Amino acid sequence: MRIGLALAIALSPNLSLAEGVLRPYTGAQSAGSAGARAGTSHDPLANPLTNPAALTLGTGTEWVVSSTTVIGDATFERAGQSYHLNDGWGIIPEAGITGRFGETPVWWGLSISAISALRSDWGYPDVAGGIGGINYGETGNESQFLALAGTFSAALRVNEQLSIGASLSAVYSEVGFDAPFIFQTNPALANAKVDLDMETDGWAPAVVLGVLWQPTSALSFGASVRPEIVLENEGSAKADFSAQLPPLGLAGTDPLASYHAESRNVLPLEVGAGVTWQATEKLSLSSWLAWTRWSEAYDVFEVNLSKGSNEAINGAIGDSPSDGVPLRWKDRFTLSIGAEYQLAEEWAIRAGWQWSESPIPEDLVTPLNAAILDQSLGLGASWQGQSGWSVDLAYNYDFSTEAHITNSGYNAGEYSNSSVDLSAHSVSVSLGQRF
């Protein structure tokens, strides 16, 4: 089962197969502390999607543009052979601007950022599977997912200690994949294999609600909730049944068919809370803990094809060969801790560490979905000039994680007795101006 997981995990690795379904950082400032400060300190790029109430920590109007380059390394081993990503790097641009409505207690923000920016392109051959033990030889094993949020945020300072905020996003998403797919739960088609090429896109709303409480000048507590984001996309698919038709007694039939395609992805409910403590005049310590309800969003992934163009194939399997791919992900906590130290009036350095256990059951891991790493290290530096210009730099290393699949939980067991190992490096640069 290949493309089933590419579909299901169209929400997983970053462009480098490394950062997980939900991007852990937005911009260089957040990346430098491994996400520990994003909900409790001013960050024009990270606040809208982490905790919009923290916008009230800003002074004046500020814009920021950012770019993150990710370089990943992944190895898939099966039957004594090793395979690597064909293309393990990518660039993610983002931008934001925040300000205050005059002398009122209301702040605002506009941003464009990537919730997910994922692509995997593997170079391993198809192996025997499907009905009759067929294969499609040297064919693509590709998947990609983009979820781009255009966000408007507003925050109200209720009093000197309490702020509340909300963000409303228009999320544009694209799902694409091209790989062999073995039907999993369709009773009439279970174990049948088709080489499937599908692309869908669409729009969906998203909301984030947040609160910030500052009982003293040295303490900031933040909390936020982001309900599920349901991405219902439409597009087209092309299917090649050539290897599967002979075992079905349909040899000689035109093997190509086109379909109307629908994909339904859900970005899960996430609840977070954290604190920043100004321990000394120069040192601040931060922590952020998030809980993600993967079990509701990633239980079964539906693949819906309809309006098949090939009458002969329609007569054998119907014109709507849809399927449900089991996922069974588990709810997980993600913990980030970090620190910032003011070296001089214009210079600061940051460091952070993030930990989370993968939600994917081991028997359902494949090269196309084994992309959520357990640990990440962040290092950063910041320059804030007297003229209002600022530059943030960050480096992140996602530690190598290896998964061993003894008995695959998917039909045909193509990924039994295999392993996947991956890691990633990323560099972020942000340029901003406050005026």
Protein backbone atom coordinates (compact mmCIF):
# COMPACT_ATOMS: atom_id res chain seq x y z
CA MET A 1 0.00 0.00 0.00
CA ARG A 2 1.87 3.06 -1.18
CA ILE A 3 -0.27 5.90 -2.26
CA GLY A 4 -2.75 5.22 0.51
CA LEU A 5 -0.13 6.50 2.88
CA ALA A 6 0.98 9.21 0.54
CA LEU A 7 -2.62 10.41 0.64
CA ALA A 8 -3.00 9.97 4.33
CA ILE A 9 0.34 11.55 4.92
CA ALA A 10 0.02 14.17 2.36
CA LEU A 11 0.02 15.81 5.79
CA SER A 12 3.32 14.69 7.06
CA PRO A 13 6.88 15.51 6.15
CA ASN A 14 8.20 18.90 5.35
CA LEU A 15 9.73 19.41 1.92
CA SER A 16 12.56 17.35 3.35
CA LEU A 17 10.43 14.61 4.91
CA ALA A 18 11.26 15.87 8.35
CA GLU A 19 9.13 18.33 10.25
CA GLY A 20 5.88 16.48 10.63
CA VAL A 21 2.28 17.15 9.62
CA LEU A 22 2.16 20.46 11.48
CA ARG A 23 5.15 22.74 11.05
CA PRO A 24 6.70 23.24 14.52
CA TYR A 25 8.02 26.77 13.89
CA THR A 26 7.04 29.87 11.94
CA GLY A 27 9.91 32.22 11.14
CA ALA A 28 13.46 32.42 12.50
CA GLN A 29 12.57 33.90 15.90
CA SER A 30 10.34 30.94 16.78
CA ALA A 31 12.76 28.41 15.27
CA GLY A 32 15.70 29.67 17.33
CA SER A 33 14.00 28.64 20.58
CA ALA A 34 12.42 25.45 19.10
CA GLY A 35 8.95 26.98 19.45
CA ALA A 36 9.21 27.59 23.20
CA ARG A 37 8.56 31.37 23.08
CA ALA A 38 5.99 31.67 20.28
CA GLY A 39 2.90 31.86 22.54
CA THR A 40 4.23 34.12 25.29
CA SER A 41 6.48 36.69 23.57
CA HIS A 42 6.01 39.10 20.68
CA ASP A 43 6.57 37.42 17.30
CA PRO A 44 4.69 38.86 14.28
CA LEU A 45 5.05 35.62 12.31
CA ALA A 46 4.41 33.00 15.01
CA ASN A 47 1.77 34.74 17.18
CA PRO A 48 -1.18 34.58 14.71
CA LEU A 49 -1.17 30.75 14.54
CA THR A 50 0.21 30.05 18.05
CA ASN A 51 -1.37 32.66 20.35
CA PRO A 52 -2.84 35.84 18.80
CA ALA A 53 -3.26 37.44 22.24
CA ALA A 54 0.54 37.87 22.36
CA LEU A 55 0.28 40.54 19.64
CA THR A 56 -0.37 43.04 22.46
CA LEU A 57 3.30 42.66 23.45
CA GLY A 58 4.28 44.59 20.32
CA THR A 59 5.13 48.28 20.19
CA GLY A 60 4.22 50.24 17.09
CA THR A 61 3.95 48.74 13.62
CA GLU A 62 6.31 45.98 12.51
CA TRP A 63 6.73 43.91 9.36
CA VAL A 64 8.77 40.72 8.91
CA VAL A 65 9.67 38.55 5.93
CA SER A 66 11.24 35.13 6.43
CA SER A 67 12.64 32.20 4.49
CA THR A 68 13.40 28.68 5.74
CA THR A 69 15.56 26.23 3.81
CA VAL A 70 15.19 22.58 4.83
CA ILE A 71 17.59 19.80 3.87
CA GLY A 72 16.53 16.28 4.78
CA ASP A 73 18.14 12.88 4.66
CA ALA A 74 16.07 9.68 4.62
CA THR A 75 16.89 6.04 3.94
CA PHE A 76 14.46 3.18 3.26
CA GLU A 77 15.76 -0.37 3.54
CA ARG A 78 13.94 -3.46 2.28
CA ALA A 79 15.19 -6.92 1.28
CA GLY A 80 18.80 -5.87 1.76
CA GLN A 81 18.47 -2.84 -0.53
CA SER A 82 18.74 0.83 0.50
CA TYR A 83 16.89 3.71 -1.17
CA HIS A 84 17.10 7.47 -0.70
CA LEU A 85 15.00 10.54 -1.41
CA ASN A 86 15.39 11.88 -4.93
CA ASP A 87 14.96 15.45 -3.71
CA GLY A 88 15.32 16.23 -0.01
CA TRP A 89 15.33 20.01 0.21
CA GLY A 90 12.93 22.92 -0.09
CA ILE A 91 12.43 26.63 0.67
CA ILE A 92 9.45 28.05 2.60
CA PRO A 93 8.84 31.85 2.44
CA GLU A 94 6.57 33.66 4.95
CA ALA A 95 5.62 37.25 5.82
CA GLY A 96 3.70 39.19 8.47
CA ILE A 97 2.85 42.69 9.66
CA THR A 98 1.39 43.80 13.00
CA GLY A 99 0.34 47.09 14.54
CA ARG A 100 -1.98 48.92 16.90
CA PHE A 101 -5.16 50.83 16.15
CA GLY A 102 -4.03 54.27 17.27
CA GLU A 103 -4.08 54.64 21.05
CA THR A 104 -6.81 52.03 21.47
CA PRO A 105 -6.21 48.74 23.37
CA VAL A 106 -6.61 46.79 20.11
CA TRP A 107 -3.77 45.29 18.07
CA TRP A 108 -3.99 43.73 14.61
CA GLY A 109 -1.94 41.41 12.43
CA LEU A 110 -1.78 40.14 8.85
CA SER A 111 0.35 37.18 7.84
CA ILE A 112 0.94 34.56 5.19
CA SER A 113 2.49 31.36 6.49
CA ALA A 114 2.69 27.65 5.77
CA ILE A 115 0.88 25.33 8.17
CA SER A 116 2.28 22.41 6.16
CA ALA A 117 4.64 22.35 3.18
CA LEU A 118 5.39 18.75 2.31
CA ARG A 119 6.88 16.77 -0.50
CA SER A 120 8.41 13.29 -0.74
CA ASP A 121 9.93 11.78 -3.87
CA TRP A 122 11.40 8.30 -3.45
CA GLY A 123 13.32 6.17 -5.89
CA TYR A 124 12.42 2.58 -4.98
CA PRO A 125 10.76 0.01 -7.29
CA ASP A 126 7.29 -1.45 -6.92
CA VAL A 127 7.28 -5.02 -5.56
CA ALA A 128 4.88 -7.92 -5.97
CA GLY A 129 1.49 -7.26 -4.44
CA GLY A 130 -2.12 -6.71 -5.37
CA ILE A 131 -4.31 -9.47 -6.78
CA GLY A 132 -2.08 -12.01 -8.51
CA GLY A 133 1.18 -10.66 -7.04
CA ILE A 134 1.65 -8.03 -9.74
CA ASN A 135 3.90 -4.94 -9.79
CA TYR A 136 4.33 -1.77 -11.82
CA GLY A 137 8.14 -1.91 -11.97
CA GLU A 138 10.13 1.33 -11.86
CA THR A 139 7.47 3.94 -11.18
CA GLY A 140 7.14 7.10 -9.12
CA ASN A 141 6.57 7.12 -5.37
CA GLU A 142 5.72 10.77 -4.82
CA SER A 143 3.40 12.73 -2.53
CA GLN A 144 3.03 16.38 -1.70
CA PHE A 145 0.83 18.57 0.46
CA LEU A 146 0.62 22.33 0.89
CA ALA A 147 -1.52 24.19 3.43
CA LEU A 148 -0.98 27.94 3.18
CA ALA A 149 -2.77 30.27 5.60
CA GLY A 150 -3.62 33.91 4.93
CA THR A 151 -4.47 35.19 8.41
CA PHE A 152 -6.05 38.26 9.99
CA SER A 153 -5.55 38.56 13.75
CA ALA A 154 -6.89 40.89 16.41
CA ALA A 155 -5.99 41.19 20.09
CA LEU A 156 -7.52 43.20 22.92
CA ARG A 157 -5.66 44.30 26.02
CA VAL A 158 -8.41 43.98 28.61
CA ASN A 159 -6.23 45.48 31.36
CA GLU A 160 -2.56 45.71 32.29
CA GLN A 161 -2.42 41.99 33.01
CA LEU A 162 -4.86 40.31 30.63
CA SER A 163 -5.09 40.15 26.81
CA ILE A 164 -7.28 38.05 24.56
CA GLY A 165 -6.97 37.43 20.83
CA ALA A 166 -8.34 35.60 17.81
CA SER A 167 -7.12 34.73 14.32
CA LEU A 168 -9.19 33.90 11.27
CA SER A 169 -7.43 32.23 8.35
CA ALA A 170 -8.31 31.33 4.80
CA VAL A 171 -6.36 28.10 4.21
CA TYR A 172 -5.50 27.07 0.65
CA SER A 173 -4.41 23.45 0.34
CA GLU A 174 -3.13 21.18 -2.42
CA VAL A 175 -2.79 17.40 -2.35
CA GLY A 176 -0.85 15.52 -4.99
CA PHE A 177 0.60 12.03 -5.37
CA ASP A 178 1.73 9.57 -7.99
CA ALA A 179 2.44 5.99 -6.89
CA PRO A 180 1.02 2.43 -6.83
CA PHE A 181 -2.02 2.14 -4.57
CA ILE A 182 -3.43 -1.05 -3.06
CA PHE A 183 -7.10 -0.84 -2.05
CA GLN A 184 -7.52 -1.50 1.67
CA THR A 185 -11.15 -1.60 2.82
CA ASN A 186 -13.32 -1.54 -0.31
CA PRO A 187 -14.89 -5.04 -0.10
CA ALA A 188 -15.05 -5.48 -3.86
CA LEU A 189 -11.53 -4.19 -4.56
CA ALA A 190 -9.48 -5.11 -1.47
CA ASN A 191 -5.89 -5.97 -2.50
CA ALA A 192 -6.32 -4.69 -6.08
CA LYS A 193 -3.39 -2.46 -7.13
CA VAL A 194 -3.46 0.53 -9.45
CA ASP A 195 -0.84 3.09 -10.42
CA LEU A 196 -2.61 6.28 -9.37
CA ASP A 197 -1.84 9.93 -10.15
CA MET A 198 -4.09 12.42 -8.29
CA GLU A 199 -4.20 16.17 -7.69
CA THR A 200 -6.77 18.11 -5.64
CA ASP A 201 -7.02 21.59 -4.14
CA GLY A 202 -9.45 23.75 -2.17
CA TRP A 203 -10.09 26.39 0.50
CA ALA A 204 -11.14 26.13 4.14
CA PRO A 205 -11.50 28.45 7.17
CA ALA A 206 -9.43 28.14 10.34
CA VAL A 207 -9.66 29.81 13.75
CA VAL A 208 -7.20 30.24 16.63
CA LEU A 209 -8.24 31.66 20.03
CA GLY A 210 -5.72 32.79 22.64
CA VAL A 211 -5.20 34.44 25.99
CA LEU A 212 -2.16 36.10 27.62
CA TRP A 213 -1.85 36.80 31.35
CA GLN A 214 1.00 38.83 32.86
CA PRO A 215 0.68 38.82 36.67
CA THR A 216 4.06 40.56 37.00
CA SER A 217 6.49 42.28 34.64
CA ALA A 218 8.67 39.16 34.74
CA LEU A 219 6.01 36.52 33.99
CA SER A 220 3.88 35.87 30.91
CA PHE A 221 1.45 32.96 30.74
CA GLY A 222 -0.24 32.06 27.45
CA ALA A 223 -2.80 29.53 26.24
CA SER A 224 -4.51 28.87 22.91
CA VAL A 225 -6.79 26.48 21.07
CA ARG A 226 -7.07 25.75 17.37
CA PRO A 227 -10.09 23.62 16.40
CA GLU A 228 -9.86 21.06 13.62
CA ILE A 229 -9.33 22.37 10.09
CA VAL A 230 -11.29 20.29 7.59
CA LEU A 231 -9.77 20.43 4.10
CA GLU A 232 -12.22 19.08 1.52
CA ASN A 233 -10.53 19.35 -1.87
CA GLU A 234 -11.56 18.41 -5.38
CA GLY A 235 -9.57 17.68 -8.51
CA SER A 236 -8.77 14.88 -10.94
CA ALA A 237 -7.04 11.52 -11.00
CA LYS A 238 -5.58 9.24 -13.64
CA ALA A 239 -5.27 5.49 -13.05
CA ASP A 240 -3.24 2.85 -14.84
CA PHE A 241 -4.68 -0.65 -14.29
CA SER A 242 -2.33 -2.35 -16.80
CA ALA A 243 -0.61 -4.79 -14.40
CA GLN A 244 -3.81 -5.66 -12.49
CA LEU A 245 -6.14 -6.40 -15.43
CA PRO A 246 -4.74 -9.82 -16.51
CA PRO A 247 -5.28 -11.48 -13.07
CA LEU A 248 -8.83 -10.12 -13.18
CA GLY A 249 -9.45 -11.71 -16.58
CA LEU A 250 -9.51 -8.34 -18.36
CA ALA A 251 -6.35 -8.68 -20.43
CA GLY A 252 -6.52 -6.59 -23.59
CA THR A 253 -8.81 -3.96 -22.03
CA ASP A 254 -7.71 -0.33 -22.24
CA PRO A 255 -5.90 0.04 -18.88
CA LEU A 256 -6.20 3.82 -18.51
CA ALA A 257 -9.02 5.66 -16.76
CA SER A 258 -9.61 9.20 -15.51
CA TYR A 259 -11.73 10.19 -12.51
CA HIS A 260 -13.12 13.10 -10.57
CA ALA A 261 -11.21 13.04 -7.27
CA GLU A 262 -12.02 14.25 -3.77
CA SER A 263 -9.64 14.24 -0.82
CA ARG A 264 -10.58 15.01 2.77
CA ASN A 265 -7.72 15.91 5.08
CA VAL A 266 -8.16 17.09 8.66
CA LEU A 267 -5.59 19.10 10.58
CA PRO A 268 -6.24 18.08 14.19
CA LEU A 269 -7.45 20.03 17.21
CA GLU A 270 -4.50 21.48 19.10
CA VAL A 271 -4.46 23.00 22.59
CA GLY A 272 -1.35 24.72 23.93
CA ALA A 273 -0.14 26.55 27.02
CA GLY A 274 3.17 28.04 28.10
CA VAL A 275 5.15 30.54 30.14
CA THR A 276 8.03 32.99 29.73
CA TRP A 277 9.96 34.05 32.83
CA GLN A 278 12.38 36.97 32.81
CA ALA A 279 14.79 35.28 35.20
CA THR A 280 17.37 38.09 35.16
CA GLU A 281 17.78 41.39 33.35
CA LYS A 282 19.37 39.56 30.42
CA LEU A 283 18.06 35.96 30.63
CA SER A 284 14.53 34.74 29.93
CA LEU A 285 13.34 31.14 30.07
CA SER A 286 10.32 29.78 28.17
CA SER A 287 8.28 26.61 27.78
CA TRP A 288 5.31 25.62 25.61
CA LEU A 289 3.29 22.40 25.90
CA ALA A 290 0.81 21.42 23.16
CA TRP A 291 -1.66 18.53 22.98
CA THR A 292 -2.71 17.33 19.53
CA ARG A 293 -5.80 15.15 19.01
CA TRP A 294 -4.49 13.00 16.16
CA SER A 295 -6.88 10.13 16.94
CA GLU A 296 -9.94 12.02 15.64
CA ALA A 297 -8.28 13.48 12.55
CA TYR A 298 -6.12 10.51 11.52
CA ASP A 299 -8.20 7.38 12.08
CA VAL A 300 -9.20 6.53 8.49
CA PHE A 301 -8.31 8.44 5.34
CA GLU A 302 -10.92 8.37 2.58
CA VAL A 303 -9.95 8.17 -1.08
CA ASN A 304 -12.96 9.15 -3.21
CA LEU A 305 -12.88 8.63 -6.97
CA SER A 306 -15.96 8.99 -9.19
CA LYS A 307 -17.16 9.45 -12.79
CA GLY A 308 -14.75 6.90 -14.24
CA SER A 309 -14.08 7.39 -17.97
CA ASN A 310 -13.28 3.77 -18.93
CA GLU A 311 -16.54 1.88 -19.58
CA ALA A 312 -14.90 -1.56 -19.60
CA ILE A 313 -13.26 -1.00 -16.21
CA ASN A 314 -16.47 0.60 -14.90
CA GLY A 315 -18.29 -2.59 -15.81
CA ALA A 316 -15.88 -4.64 -13.70
CA ILE A 317 -15.38 -2.44 -10.64
CA GLY A 318 -17.92 0.40 -10.98
CA ASP A 319 -17.28 4.02 -11.86
CA SER A 320 -16.50 5.10 -8.26
CA PRO A 321 -13.66 2.91 -6.88
CA SER A 322 -13.32 4.65 -3.50
CA ASP A 323 -11.48 3.34 -0.46
CA GLY A 324 -10.68 3.99 3.22
CA VAL A 325 -7.07 3.79 4.39
CA PRO A 326 -6.59 2.89 8.09
CA LEU A 327 -4.29 5.20 10.06
CA ARG A 328 -5.07 4.78 13.78
CA TRP A 329 -2.84 7.63 14.95
CA LYS A 330 -2.58 8.37 18.67
CA ASP A 331 -2.99 11.64 20.58
CA ARG A 332 0.32 13.19 21.58
CA PHE A 333 1.92 15.96 23.67
CA THR A 334 4.72 18.17 22.31
CA LEU A 335 7.04 19.94 24.76
CA SER A 336 9.33 22.85 23.89
CA ILE A 337 11.75 24.53 26.28
CA GLY A 338 14.03 27.42 25.42
CA ALA A 339 16.05 30.42 26.58
CA GLU A 340 17.05 33.84 25.30
CA TYR A 341 20.07 35.80 26.50
CA GLN A 342 20.70 39.49 25.77
CA LEU A 343 24.40 39.70 24.90
CA ALA A 344 24.35 43.45 24.30
CA GLU A 345 21.87 46.22 23.58
CA GLU A 346 21.43 45.09 19.97
CA TRP A 347 22.32 41.40 20.15
CA ALA A 348 20.55 38.35 21.63
CA ILE A 349 21.04 34.60 21.32
CA ARG A 350 18.49 31.80 21.70
CA ALA A 351 18.41 28.04 22.13
CA GLY A 352 15.64 25.49 22.50
CA TRP A 353 14.70 21.82 22.42
CA GLN A 354 11.46 20.18 21.34
CA TRP A 355 10.25 16.64 22.07
CA SER A 356 7.24 14.65 20.94
CA GLU A 357 6.54 10.95 20.49
CA SER A 358 5.45 9.88 17.01
CA PRO A 359 1.68 9.20 16.83
CA ILE A 360 1.99 6.62 14.02
CA PRO A 361 1.54 2.92 14.96
CA GLU A 362 4.72 1.06 14.01
CA ASP A 363 2.93 -1.48 11.80
CA LEU A 364 1.52 1.36 9.66
CA VAL A 365 4.83 3.14 9.00
CA THR A 366 5.99 3.46 5.37
CA PRO A 367 8.61 5.67 3.63
CA LEU A 368 5.80 8.05 2.71
CA ASN A 369 4.61 8.69 6.27
CA ALA A 370 7.45 8.01 8.73
CA ALA A 371 8.20 11.71 8.95
CA ILE A 372 7.38 12.85 12.48
CA LEU A 373 10.63 13.03 14.42
CA ASP A 374 10.91 12.77 18.19
CA GLN A 375 13.40 15.54 18.99
CA SER A 376 14.60 18.83 17.54
CA LEU A 377 17.33 21.29 18.59
CA GLY A 378 17.13 25.00 17.82
CA LEU A 379 19.84 27.68 17.94
CA GLY A 380 19.32 31.33 17.06
CA ALA A 381 20.69 34.86 17.08
CA SER A 382 18.98 38.23 16.77
CA TRP A 383 20.14 41.75 15.90
CA GLN A 384 17.86 44.72 16.65
CA GLY A 385 19.23 47.99 15.30
CA GLN A 386 18.58 51.45 16.70
CA SER A 387 16.85 52.41 13.44
CA GLY A 388 14.20 49.69 13.91
CA TRP A 389 15.65 47.14 11.50
CA SER A 390 16.12 43.59 12.75
CA VAL A 391 17.62 40.31 11.54
CA ASP A 392 16.94 36.87 13.03
CA LEU A 393 18.88 33.71 12.19
CA ALA A 394 18.12 30.16 13.30
CA TYR A 395 19.46 26.65 12.79
CA ASN A 396 17.46 23.52 13.61
CA TYR A 397 18.45 19.89 13.63
CA ASP A 398 15.78 17.19 13.66
CA PHE A 399 17.43 14.14 15.20
CA SER A 400 17.67 10.91 13.27
CA THR A 401 14.77 8.56 13.94
CA GLU A 402 14.60 4.96 12.72
CA ALA A 403 11.42 2.90 12.49
CA HIS A 404 11.43 -0.91 12.04
CA ILE A 405 8.36 -2.51 10.43
CA THR A 406 8.22 -6.25 11.11
CA ASN A 407 4.69 -7.00 9.91
CA SER A 408 2.99 -4.23 7.94
CA GLY A 409 -0.64 -3.56 8.82
CA TYR A 410 -1.54 -2.80 5.20
CA ASN A 411 -2.88 -5.20 2.60
CA ALA A 412 -0.23 -7.19 0.70
CA GLY A 413 2.40 -6.47 3.39
CA GLU A 414 4.72 -4.74 0.94
CA TYR A 415 6.48 -2.89 3.75
CA SER A 416 6.97 -5.87 6.09
CA ASN A 417 10.58 -6.44 7.21
CA SER A 418 11.70 -2.94 6.31
CA SER A 419 13.02 0.17 8.05
CA VAL A 420 12.99 3.93 7.56
CA ASP A 421 15.59 6.32 8.95
CA LEU A 422 15.40 10.12 8.62
CA SER A 423 16.83 13.40 9.89
CA ALA A 424 16.90 17.01 8.76
CA HIS A 425 18.70 20.34 8.97
CA SER A 426 17.01 23.71 8.46
CA VAL A 427 18.21 27.32 8.32
CA SER A 428 15.82 30.26 8.79
CA VAL A 429 16.43 33.94 8.09
CA SER A 430 14.01 36.76 8.97
CA LEU A 431 14.29 40.46 8.13
CA GLY A 432 12.06 42.99 9.83
CA GLN A 433 11.48 46.67 10.58
CA ARG A 434 9.72 48.31 13.50
CA PHE A 435 8.48 51.90 13.11
